[in-house]
C-alpha atoms as a PDB file:
ATOM      1  CA  MET A   1     298.533 109.268 135.846  1.00  0.00           C
ATOM      2  CA  PRO A   2     298.675 112.442 133.674  1.00  0.00           C
ATOM      3  CA  GLU A   3     295.897 112.769 131.106  1.00  0.00           C
ATOM      4  CA  SER A   4     298.344 112.763 128.175  1.00  0.00           C
ATOM      5  CA  GLN A   5     299.705 109.378 129.252  1.00  0.00           C
ATOM      6  CA  ILE A   6     296.176 107.958 129.523  1.00  0.00           C
ATOM      7  CA  GLN A   7     295.295 109.182 126.032  1.00  0.00           C
ATOM      8  CA  ASN A   8     298.480 107.671 124.574  1.00  0.00           C
ATOM      9  CA  ARG A   9     298.041 104.334 126.358  1.00  0.00           C
ATOM     10  CA  HIS A  10     297.766 101.420 123.926  1.00  0.00           C
ATOM     11  CA  PRO A  11     294.291  99.797 124.006  1.00  0.00           C
ATOM     12  CA  LEU A  12     295.906  96.418 124.684  1.00  0.00           C
ATOM     13  CA  TYR A  13     297.215  97.860 127.944  1.00  0.00           C
ATOM     14  CA  SER A  14     293.683  98.931 128.912  1.00  0.00           C
ATOM     15  CA  LEU A  15     292.304  95.532 127.874  1.00  0.00           C
ATOM     16  CA  PHE A  16     294.827  93.746 130.065  1.00  0.00           C
ATOM     17  CA  TYR A  17     293.832  95.749 133.129  1.00  0.00           C
ATOM     18  CA  LEU A  18     290.121  95.351 132.450  1.00  0.00           C
ATOM     19  CA  ILE A  19     290.517  91.560 132.353  1.00  0.00           C
ATOM     20  CA  LEU A  20     292.717  91.686 135.449  1.00  0.00           C
ATOM     21  CA  PHE A  21     290.105  93.682 137.380  1.00  0.00           C
ATOM     22  CA  ALA A  22     287.361  91.283 136.241  1.00  0.00           C
ATOM     23  CA  LEU A  23     289.301  88.178 137.308  1.00  0.00           C
ATOM     24  CA  ALA A  24     290.191  89.703 140.672  1.00  0.00           C
ATOM     25  CA  GLY A  25     286.606  90.841 141.257  1.00  0.00           C
ATOM     26  CA  THR A  26     285.238  87.414 140.323  1.00  0.00           C
ATOM     27  CA  LEU A  27     287.595  85.669 142.747  1.00  0.00           C
ATOM     28  CA  VAL A  28     287.024  88.019 145.680  1.00  0.00           C
ATOM     29  CA  PHE A  29     283.246  88.264 145.346  1.00  0.00           C
ATOM     30  CA  SER A  30     282.778  84.552 144.650  1.00  0.00           C
ATOM     31  CA  LEU A  31     284.621  83.768 147.877  1.00  0.00           C
ATOM     32  CA  LEU A  32     282.568  86.399 149.696  1.00  0.00           C
ATOM     33  CA  GLY A  33     279.362  84.915 148.283  1.00  0.00           C
ATOM     34  CA  MET A  34     280.402  81.432 149.387  1.00  0.00           C
ATOM     35  CA  LEU A  35     281.175  82.730 152.873  1.00  0.00           C
ATOM     36  CA  ILE A  36     277.831  84.484 153.258  1.00  0.00           C
ATOM     37  CA  GLY A  37     275.960  81.582 151.685  1.00  0.00           C
ATOM     38  CA  SER A  38     277.607  79.057 153.995  1.00  0.00           C
ATOM     39  CA  LEU A  39     276.777  81.228 157.031  1.00  0.00           C
ATOM     40  CA  ILE A  40     273.116  81.239 156.013  1.00  0.00           C
ATOM     41  CA  TYR A  41     272.670  77.721 154.633  1.00  0.00           C
ATOM     42  CA  GLY A  42     275.573  75.839 156.257  1.00  0.00           C
ATOM     43  CA  THR A  43     279.013  74.818 155.067  1.00  0.00           C
ATOM     44  CA  ALA A  44     277.631  71.556 153.657  1.00  0.00           C
ATOM     45  CA  GLU A  45     276.294  73.574 150.731  1.00  0.00           C
ATOM     46  CA  LEU A  46     279.876  74.151 149.556  1.00  0.00           C
ATOM     47  CA  LEU A  47     280.190  70.405 148.953  1.00  0.00           C
ATOM     48  CA  ASN A  48     276.706  70.234 147.468  1.00  0.00           C
ATOM     49  CA  MET A  49     277.717  72.942 145.007  1.00  0.00           C
ATOM     50  CA  THR A  50     280.437  70.703 143.544  1.00  0.00           C
ATOM     51  CA  THR A  51     277.911  67.882 143.053  1.00  0.00           C
ATOM     52  CA  GLY A  52     275.239  70.118 141.558  1.00  0.00           C
ATOM     53  CA  THR A  53     272.797  69.680 144.447  1.00  0.00           C
ATOM     54  CA  ALA A  54     273.275  72.990 146.266  1.00  0.00           C
ATOM     55  CA  ASN A  55     270.305  74.814 147.794  1.00  0.00           C
ATOM     56  CA  ILE A  56     268.745  77.209 145.288  1.00  0.00           C
ATOM     57  CA  GLY A  57     268.996  80.067 147.785  1.00  0.00           C
ATOM     58  CA  PHE A  58     272.720  79.412 148.129  1.00  0.00           C
ATOM     59  CA  LEU A  59     273.093  79.467 144.331  1.00  0.00           C
ATOM     60  CA  LYS A  60     271.233  82.762 144.110  1.00  0.00           C
ATOM     61  CA  ILE A  61     273.578  84.350 146.636  1.00  0.00           C
ATOM     62  CA  LEU A  62     276.551  83.177 144.568  1.00  0.00           C
ATOM     63  CA  GLN A  63     274.939  84.493 141.390  1.00  0.00           C
ATOM     64  CA  ILE A  64     274.325  87.932 142.876  1.00  0.00           C
ATOM     65  CA  PHE A  65     277.841  88.272 144.255  1.00  0.00           C
ATOM     66  CA  SER A  66     279.333  86.940 141.033  1.00  0.00           C
ATOM     67  CA  SER A  67     277.466  89.538 138.951  1.00  0.00           C
ATOM     68  CA  ILE A  68     278.622  92.367 141.173  1.00  0.00           C
ATOM     69  CA  GLY A  69     282.211  91.155 141.385  1.00  0.00           C
ATOM     70  CA  THR A  70     282.671  90.206 137.738  1.00  0.00           C
ATOM     71  CA  PHE A  71     281.081  93.257 136.135  1.00  0.00           C
ATOM     72  CA  ILE A  72     280.016  96.202 138.288  1.00  0.00           C
ATOM     73  CA  VAL A  73     283.017  96.550 140.611  1.00  0.00           C
ATOM     74  CA  PRO A  74     285.687  95.936 137.905  1.00  0.00           C
ATOM     75  CA  ALA A  75     283.984  98.464 135.613  1.00  0.00           C
ATOM     76  CA  TRP A  76     284.103 101.092 138.365  1.00  0.00           C
ATOM     77  CA  PHE A  77     287.799 100.421 139.032  1.00  0.00           C
ATOM     78  CA  PHE A  78     288.548 100.476 135.306  1.00  0.00           C
ATOM     79  CA  ALA A  79     286.918 103.884 134.866  1.00  0.00           C
ATOM     80  CA  ARG A  80     288.989 105.253 137.726  1.00  0.00           C
ATOM     81  CA  PHE A  81     292.072 103.597 136.196  1.00  0.00           C
ATOM     82  CA  GLN A  82     291.291 105.510 132.991  1.00  0.00           C
ATOM     83  CA  GLY A  83     291.372 108.736 134.965  1.00  0.00           C
ATOM     84  CA  GLU A  84     287.661 109.599 134.961  1.00  0.00           C
ATOM     85  CA  MET A  85     284.672 109.428 137.229  1.00  0.00           C
ATOM     86  CA  PRO A  86     282.555 106.385 136.268  1.00  0.00           C
ATOM     87  CA  THR A  87     279.456 108.470 135.479  1.00  0.00           C
ATOM     88  CA  ALA A  88     281.441 110.504 132.952  1.00  0.00           C
ATOM     89  CA  TYR A  89     283.460 107.615 131.518  1.00  0.00           C
ATOM     90  CA  PHE A  90     280.366 105.461 130.911  1.00  0.00           C
ATOM     91  CA  LYS A  91     278.318 108.389 129.566  1.00  0.00           C
ATOM     92  CA  LEU A  92     275.720 108.046 132.310  1.00  0.00           C
ATOM     93  CA  ASN A  93     275.459 111.805 132.733  1.00  0.00           C
ATOM     94  CA  THR A  94     275.035 112.890 129.110  1.00  0.00           C
ATOM     95  CA  ARG A  95     271.818 114.385 127.798  1.00  0.00           C
ATOM     96  CA  PHE A  96     268.875 111.989 128.055  1.00  0.00           C
ATOM     97  CA  HIS A  97     266.119 112.089 125.424  1.00  0.00           C
ATOM     98  CA  PRO A  98     262.772 110.525 126.479  1.00  0.00           C
ATOM     99  CA  LEU A  99     261.778 109.745 122.878  1.00  0.00           C
ATOM    100  CA  LEU A 100     264.836 107.510 122.537  1.00  0.00           C
ATOM    101  CA  LEU A 101     263.662 105.623 125.612  1.00  0.00           C
ATOM    102  CA  ILE A 102     260.275 105.017 123.989  1.00  0.00           C
ATOM    103  CA  LEU A 103     261.990 103.829 120.805  1.00  0.00           C
ATOM    104  CA  THR A 104     264.164 101.481 122.896  1.00  0.00           C
ATOM    105  CA  VAL A 105     261.048  99.845 124.366  1.00  0.00           C
ATOM    106  CA  ILE A 106     259.489  99.474 120.910  1.00  0.00           C
ATOM    107  CA  LEU A 107     262.728  98.068 119.535  1.00  0.00           C
ATOM    108  CA  MET A 108     262.997  95.290 122.114  1.00  0.00           C
ATOM    109  CA  PHE A 109     259.458  94.066 121.548  1.00  0.00           C
ATOM    110  CA  ALA A 110     259.618  94.500 117.762  1.00  0.00           C
ATOM    111  CA  SER A 111     262.811  92.441 117.512  1.00  0.00           C
ATOM    112  CA  SER A 112     261.651  89.528 119.689  1.00  0.00           C
ATOM    113  CA  ALA A 113     260.330  87.409 116.795  1.00  0.00           C
ATOM    114  CA  LEU A 114     263.399  88.146 114.673  1.00  0.00           C
ATOM    115  CA  LEU A 115     265.725  87.082 117.493  1.00  0.00           C
ATOM    116  CA  GLU A 116     263.661  83.942 117.991  1.00  0.00           C
ATOM    117  CA  TRP A 117     264.146  83.093 114.307  1.00  0.00           C
ATOM    118  CA  THR A 118     267.923  83.461 114.674  1.00  0.00           C
ATOM    119  CA  GLN A 119     267.731  81.137 117.687  1.00  0.00           C
ATOM    120  CA  VAL A 120     265.915  78.522 115.609  1.00  0.00           C
ATOM    121  CA  LEU A 121     268.590  78.903 112.940  1.00  0.00           C
ATOM    122  CA  ASN A 122     271.365  78.675 115.524  1.00  0.00           C
ATOM    123  CA  GLN A 123     269.950  75.522 117.127  1.00  0.00           C
ATOM    124  CA  SER A 124     269.717  73.790 113.748  1.00  0.00           C
ATOM    125  CA  MET A 125     273.436  74.217 113.052  1.00  0.00           C
ATOM    126  CA  HIS A 126     275.735  71.203 113.313  1.00  0.00           C
ATOM    127  CA  LEU A 127     279.517  70.914 113.349  1.00  0.00           C
ATOM    128  CA  PRO A 128     281.360  68.697 110.827  1.00  0.00           C
ATOM    129  CA  ALA A 129     281.573  64.969 111.643  1.00  0.00           C
ATOM    130  CA  PHE A 130     285.193  65.163 112.801  1.00  0.00           C
ATOM    131  CA  LEU A 131     284.089  67.622 115.521  1.00  0.00           C
ATOM    132  CA  GLU A 132     281.359  65.345 116.815  1.00  0.00           C
ATOM    133  CA  SER A 133     282.935  65.056 120.276  1.00  0.00           C
ATOM    134  CA  LEU A 134     283.161  68.850 120.542  1.00  0.00           C
ATOM    135  CA  GLU A 135     279.514  69.217 119.584  1.00  0.00           C
ATOM    136  CA  ALA A 136     278.519  66.623 122.184  1.00  0.00           C
ATOM    137  CA  TRP A 137     280.405  68.607 124.839  1.00  0.00           C
ATOM    138  CA  MET A 138     278.720  71.823 123.694  1.00  0.00           C
ATOM    139  CA  ARG A 139     275.303  70.166 123.961  1.00  0.00           C
ATOM    140  CA  GLN A 140     276.134  68.917 127.441  1.00  0.00           C
ATOM    141  CA  GLN A 141     277.210  72.406 128.561  1.00  0.00           C
ATOM    142  CA  GLU A 142     274.047  73.874 127.072  1.00  0.00           C
ATOM    143  CA  ASP A 143     271.852  71.353 128.920  1.00  0.00           C
ATOM    144  CA  GLN A 144     273.618  71.990 132.234  1.00  0.00           C
ATOM    145  CA  LEU A 145     273.183  75.761 131.920  1.00  0.00           C
ATOM    146  CA  ALA A 146     269.553  75.282 130.917  1.00  0.00           C
ATOM    147  CA  ASP A 147     268.952  73.156 134.027  1.00  0.00           C
ATOM    148  CA  LEU A 148     270.578  75.804 136.237  1.00  0.00           C
ATOM    149  CA  THR A 149     268.505  78.548 134.619  1.00  0.00           C
ATOM    150  CA  THR A 150     265.337  76.543 135.198  1.00  0.00           C
ATOM    151  CA  GLN A 151     266.211  76.179 138.883  1.00  0.00           C
ATOM    152  CA  LEU A 152     266.907  79.893 139.253  1.00  0.00           C
ATOM    153  CA  LEU A 153     263.634  80.803 137.533  1.00  0.00           C
ATOM    154  CA  LYS A 154     261.425  78.794 139.886  1.00  0.00           C
ATOM    155  CA  MET A 155     259.165  81.304 141.631  1.00  0.00           C
ATOM    156  CA  ASP A 156     256.191  80.739 143.923  1.00  0.00           C
ATOM    157  CA  ASN A 157     255.400  84.298 145.009  1.00  0.00           C
ATOM    158  CA  TYR A 158     255.972  87.963 144.215  1.00  0.00           C
ATOM    159  CA  GLY A 159     258.923  88.166 146.608  1.00  0.00           C
ATOM    160  CA  GLN A 160     260.795  85.553 144.590  1.00  0.00           C
ATOM    161  CA  LEU A 161     259.791  87.371 141.402  1.00  0.00           C
ATOM    162  CA  ALA A 162     261.299  90.607 142.753  1.00  0.00           C
ATOM    163  CA  LEU A 163     264.499  88.797 143.751  1.00  0.00           C
ATOM    164  CA  ASN A 164     264.837  87.216 140.306  1.00  0.00           C
ATOM    165  CA  LEU A 165     264.193  90.531 138.579  1.00  0.00           C
ATOM    166  CA  PHE A 166     267.021  91.988 140.643  1.00  0.00           C
ATOM    167  CA  MET A 167     269.368  89.022 140.087  1.00  0.00           C
ATOM    168  CA  ILE A 168     268.628  88.078 136.460  1.00  0.00           C
ATOM    169  CA  ALA A 169     267.437  91.373 134.971  1.00  0.00           C
ATOM    170  CA  LEU A 170     268.727  94.433 136.841  1.00  0.00           C
ATOM    171  CA  LEU A 171     272.239  93.359 137.875  1.00  0.00           C
ATOM    172  CA  PRO A 172     273.209  91.892 134.464  1.00  0.00           C
ATOM    173  CA  ALA A 173     271.681  94.858 132.639  1.00  0.00           C
ATOM    174  CA  ILE A 174     273.831  97.293 134.605  1.00  0.00           C
ATOM    175  CA  GLY A 175     276.965  95.188 135.036  1.00  0.00           C
ATOM    176  CA  GLU A 176     277.246  93.633 131.583  1.00  0.00           C
ATOM    177  CA  GLU A 177     276.546  96.916 129.816  1.00  0.00           C
ATOM    178  CA  LEU A 178     279.152  98.705 131.914  1.00  0.00           C
ATOM    179  CA  VAL A 179     281.745  96.128 130.884  1.00  0.00           C
ATOM    180  CA  PHE A 180     280.806  95.282 127.287  1.00  0.00           C
ATOM    181  CA  ARG A 181     279.442  98.553 125.936  1.00  0.00           C
ATOM    182  CA  GLY A 182     281.119 100.816 128.485  1.00  0.00           C
ATOM    183  CA  CYS A 183     284.606  99.235 128.440  1.00  0.00           C
ATOM    184  CA  PHE A 184     285.167  96.634 125.723  1.00  0.00           C
ATOM    185  CA  GLN A 185     283.408  98.606 123.002  1.00  0.00           C
ATOM    186  CA  HIS A 186     285.494 101.720 123.613  1.00  0.00           C
ATOM    187  CA  ILE A 187     288.723  99.743 123.859  1.00  0.00           C
ATOM    188  CA  PHE A 188     288.174  97.932 120.558  1.00  0.00           C
ATOM    189  CA  THR A 189     286.853 101.070 118.853  1.00  0.00           C
ATOM    190  CA  ARG A 190     290.045 102.875 119.740  1.00  0.00           C
ATOM    191  CA  TRP A 191     292.173  99.847 118.812  1.00  0.00           C
ATOM    192  CA  THR A 192     290.595  99.381 115.362  1.00  0.00           C
ATOM    193  CA  LYS A 193     289.815 103.086 114.882  1.00  0.00           C
ATOM    194  CA  ASN A 194     286.370 101.988 113.724  1.00  0.00           C
ATOM    195  CA  PRO A 195     283.227 102.119 115.921  1.00  0.00           C
ATOM    196  CA  HIS A 196     281.567  99.295 113.971  1.00  0.00           C
ATOM    197  CA  TRP A 197     284.446  96.924 114.612  1.00  0.00           C
ATOM    198  CA  GLY A 198     284.320  97.941 118.261  1.00  0.00           C
ATOM    199  CA  ILE A 199     280.617  97.113 118.438  1.00  0.00           C
ATOM    200  CA  TRP A 200     280.838  93.729 116.710  1.00  0.00           C
ATOM    201  CA  ILE A 201     283.963  92.489 118.494  1.00  0.00           C
ATOM    202  CA  SER A 202     282.363  93.388 121.818  1.00  0.00           C
ATOM    203  CA  ALA A 203     279.122  91.686 120.762  1.00  0.00           C
ATOM    204  CA  ILE A 204     280.997  88.479 119.898  1.00  0.00           C
ATOM    205  CA  ILE A 205     282.761  88.486 123.281  1.00  0.00           C
ATOM    206  CA  PHE A 206     279.465  89.306 125.006  1.00  0.00           C
ATOM    207  CA  SER A 207     277.817  86.265 123.433  1.00  0.00           C
ATOM    208  CA  ALA A 208     280.778  83.914 123.860  1.00  0.00           C
ATOM    209  CA  ILE A 209     281.219  84.619 127.563  1.00  0.00           C
ATOM    210  CA  HIS A 210     277.739  83.229 128.297  1.00  0.00           C
ATOM    211  CA  LEU A 211     278.916  79.777 127.107  1.00  0.00           C
ATOM    212  CA  GLN A 212     275.545  79.032 125.541  1.00  0.00           C
ATOM    213  CA  PHE A 213     276.638  77.935 122.092  1.00  0.00           C
ATOM    214  CA  TYR A 214     273.179  77.315 120.664  1.00  0.00           C
ATOM    215  CA  GLY A 215     272.100  80.809 121.561  1.00  0.00           C
ATOM    216  CA  PHE A 216     275.285  82.456 120.289  1.00  0.00           C
ATOM    217  CA  LEU A 217     273.811  84.089 117.182  1.00  0.00           C
ATOM    218  CA  PRO A 218     270.799  85.856 118.750  1.00  0.00           C
ATOM    219  CA  ARG A 219     272.858  86.991 121.737  1.00  0.00           C
ATOM    220  CA  MET A 220     275.569  88.373 119.441  1.00  0.00           C
ATOM    221  CA  LEU A 221     272.962  90.305 117.433  1.00  0.00           C
ATOM    222  CA  LEU A 222     271.430  91.566 120.658  1.00  0.00           C
ATOM    223  CA  GLY A 223     274.847  92.734 121.833  1.00  0.00           C
ATOM    224  CA  ALA A 224     275.420  94.543 118.528  1.00  0.00           C
ATOM    225  CA  CYS A 225     272.021  96.209 118.879  1.00  0.00           C
ATOM    226  CA  PHE A 226     272.970  97.427 122.358  1.00  0.00           C
ATOM    227  CA  GLY A 227     276.252  98.661 120.925  1.00  0.00           C
ATOM    228  CA  TYR A 228     274.582 100.810 118.289  1.00  0.00           C
ATOM    229  CA  LEU A 229     272.188 102.259 120.861  1.00  0.00           C
ATOM    230  CA  MET A 230     275.266 103.323 122.806  1.00  0.00           C
ATOM    231  CA  LEU A 231     277.068 104.678 119.744  1.00  0.00           C
ATOM    232  CA  TRP A 232     274.151 106.730 118.441  1.00  0.00           C
ATOM    233  CA  SER A 233     272.805 108.039 121.750  1.00  0.00           C
ATOM    234  CA  ASN A 234     276.163 108.554 123.471  1.00  0.00           C
ATOM    235  CA  ASN A 235     274.395 107.430 126.647  1.00  0.00           C
ATOM    236  CA  LEU A 236     274.810 104.033 128.316  1.00  0.00           C
ATOM    237  CA  TRP A 237     271.366 104.198 129.929  1.00  0.00           C
ATOM    238  CA  PHE A 238     269.689 103.157 126.661  1.00  0.00           C
ATOM    239  CA  PRO A 239     271.503  99.809 126.226  1.00  0.00           C
ATOM    240  CA  ILE A 240     271.101  99.213 129.973  1.00  0.00           C
ATOM    241  CA  PHE A 241     267.359  99.758 129.675  1.00  0.00           C
ATOM    242  CA  ALA A 242     267.148  97.562 126.550  1.00  0.00           C
ATOM    243  CA  HIS A 243     269.052  94.801 128.350  1.00  0.00           C
ATOM    244  CA  LEU A 244     266.746  95.166 131.346  1.00  0.00           C
ATOM    245  CA  ILE A 245     263.646  94.783 129.164  1.00  0.00           C
ATOM    246  CA  ASN A 246     265.080  91.695 127.444  1.00  0.00           C
ATOM    247  CA  ASN A 247     265.957  89.880 130.674  1.00  0.00           C
ATOM    248  CA  GLY A 248     263.035  91.190 132.686  1.00  0.00           C
ATOM    249  CA  ALA A 249     260.484  90.056 130.097  1.00  0.00           C
ATOM    250  CA  ALA A 250     261.894  86.513 130.300  1.00  0.00           C
ATOM    251  CA  VAL A 251     261.671  86.490 134.112  1.00  0.00           C
ATOM    252  CA  ILE A 252     258.101  87.804 134.118  1.00  0.00           C
ATOM    253  CA  ALA A 253     257.091  85.311 131.423  1.00  0.00           C
ATOM    254  CA  ALA A 254     258.541  82.469 133.528  1.00  0.00           C
ATOM    255  CA  PHE A 255     256.584  83.686 136.556  1.00  0.00           C
ATOM    256  CA  VAL A 256     253.328  83.880 134.579  1.00  0.00           C
ATOM    257  CA  TYR A 257     253.911  80.404 133.148  1.00  0.00           C
ATOM    258  CA  GLN A 258     254.342  78.969 136.631  1.00  0.00           C
ATOM    259  CA  GLN A 259     251.267  80.751 137.929  1.00  0.00           C
ATOM    260  CA  GLN A 260     249.337  79.109 135.093  1.00  0.00           C
ATOM    261  CA  GLY A 261     250.853  75.691 135.836  1.00  0.00           C
ATOM    262  CA  LYS A 262     252.900  75.566 132.622  1.00  0.00           C
ATOM    263  CA  PRO A 263     256.475  74.171 132.506  1.00  0.00           C
ATOM    264  CA  ILE A 264     259.029  76.966 132.281  1.00  0.00           C
ATOM    265  CA  ASP A 265     261.528  74.922 130.276  1.00  0.00           C
ATOM    266  CA  THR A 266     259.340  75.581 127.219  1.00  0.00           C
ATOM    267  CA  LEU A 267     260.367  79.252 127.367  1.00  0.00           C
ATOM    268  CA  SER A 268     263.851  78.445 126.049  1.00  0.00           C
ATOM    269  CA  GLN A 269     262.504  76.387 123.180  1.00  0.00           C
ATOM    270  CA  ALA A 270     262.219  78.607 120.129  1.00  0.00           C
ATOM    271  CA  THR A 271     259.153  77.965 117.991  1.00  0.00           C
ATOM    272  CA  ILE A 272     258.916  78.398 114.228  1.00  0.00           C
ATOM    273  CA  GLU A 273     256.486  81.115 113.208  1.00  0.00           C
ATOM    274  CA  SER A 274     255.189  81.961 109.759  1.00  0.00           C
ATOM    275  CA  PRO A 275     257.550  83.911 107.451  1.00  0.00           C
ATOM    276  CA  SER A 276     255.222  86.916 107.602  1.00  0.00           C
ATOM    277  CA  VAL A 277     255.794  87.222 111.358  1.00  0.00           C
ATOM    278  CA  TYR A 278     259.569  87.327 110.868  1.00  0.00           C
ATOM    279  CA  ALA A 279     259.217  89.755 107.968  1.00  0.00           C
ATOM    280  CA  LEU A 280     257.124  92.130 110.081  1.00  0.00           C
ATOM    281  CA  SER A 281     259.589  91.836 112.942  1.00  0.00           C
ATOM    282  CA  LEU A 282     262.488  92.647 110.602  1.00  0.00           C
ATOM    283  CA  PHE A 283     260.598  95.634 109.171  1.00  0.00           C
ATOM    284  CA  PHE A 284     259.651  97.166 112.520  1.00  0.00           C
ATOM    285  CA  THR A 285     263.089  96.442 114.010  1.00  0.00           C
ATOM    286  CA  SER A 286     264.833  98.156 111.090  1.00  0.00           C
ATOM    287  CA  ALA A 287     262.400 101.074 111.125  1.00  0.00           C
ATOM    288  CA  THR A 288     262.812 101.611 114.873  1.00  0.00           C
ATOM    289  CA  LEU A 289     266.602 101.478 114.647  1.00  0.00           C
ATOM    290  CA  TRP A 290     266.488 103.977 111.785  1.00  0.00           C
ATOM    291  CA  MET A 291     264.273 106.356 113.774  1.00  0.00           C
ATOM    292  CA  PHE A 292     266.581 105.998 116.798  1.00  0.00           C
ATOM    293  CA  TYR A 293     269.571 106.822 114.608  1.00  0.00           C
ATOM    294  CA  ARG A 294     267.930 109.756 112.833  1.00  0.00           C
ATOM    295  CA  TYR A 295     266.626 111.325 116.038  1.00  0.00           C
ATOM    296  CA  SER A 296     270.038 110.959 117.666  1.00  0.00           C
ATOM    297  CA  GLN A 297     271.671 112.661 114.688  1.00  0.00           C
ATOM    298  CA  SER A 298     269.090 115.443 114.609  1.00  0.00           C
ATOM    299  CA  ARG A 299     269.889 116.207 118.224  1.00  0.00           C
ATOM    300  CA  ALA A 300     273.596 116.295 117.367  1.00  0.00           C
ATOM    301  CA  LEU A 301     274.467 113.752 120.025  1.00  0.00           C
ATOM    302  CA  PRO A 302     278.256 113.295 119.971  1.00  0.00           C
ATOM    303  CA  ASN A 303     279.486 109.702 119.775  1.00  0.00           C
ATOM    304  CA  THR A 304     283.134 110.170 120.606  1.00  0.00           C
ATOM    305  CA  HIS A 305     284.899 108.903 123.708  1.00  0.00           C
ATOM    306  CA  LYS A 306     287.983 110.514 125.103  1.00  0.00           C
ATOM    307  CA  HIS A 307     289.803 107.410 126.319  1.00  0.00           C
ATOM    308  CA  GLY A 308     290.019 103.807 125.148  1.00  0.00           C
END
């Protein structure tokens, strides 16, 4: 397609094709994962999957293929559909500043207490009485996903740790950032003609798609944080790295807990700290974001994107 036609394409048109690619990739790679999983663990696991008793190895194969098919492959096709090479479209080849990488690491650890506070706040929220049945369903979904996460996080050795880091940290960090910050954010920025709207709409979708309602607020804020890292640095590697730290820290913490004989389900239970801890977290998070922004501006990093 000529470049002029791509530039004049309505963002809704791009959004439609992005969703189409994601649905097609999910279907194809889920079927492929089931095929490979059944060859390794037996076809009986397909039935066990419907009853929630599937082998954990089978579930991990499905998870890996689902991540690749839902995010990484569709993002690549979408970039080509937009008329660019993926490395250029996703700003993976723009100038990389090491100091911004250091600030990204500091940011993720500085914000951990603040995000935990938002999780406590989120979990304390209740729907009105007339939506009691909806809230019960939401709780049930949350419990089911928590049980699945606990199963996936069970690790007895360093090999399983490496596999979980690949499956839970690396693949989502790359795939989800390609789709949400690399695709959705640019589409909605072009649609609204406002980068902030693009960031927050993408962050809301990013949080909603996880279907973990009682973690919606912290995940939305995390998604917005990733979005601003992308906007200011004009380089997708920074939100990818931030996402990797966030997920990887959780996996490593779960492994350490198990090595110490502690139950890993306590990891998802947010604890209430003193107000001073949250205040310090807010201060250092804000200061780090400000330094990231100022350094990006001082280096005159462009934040425009040619196509939506």
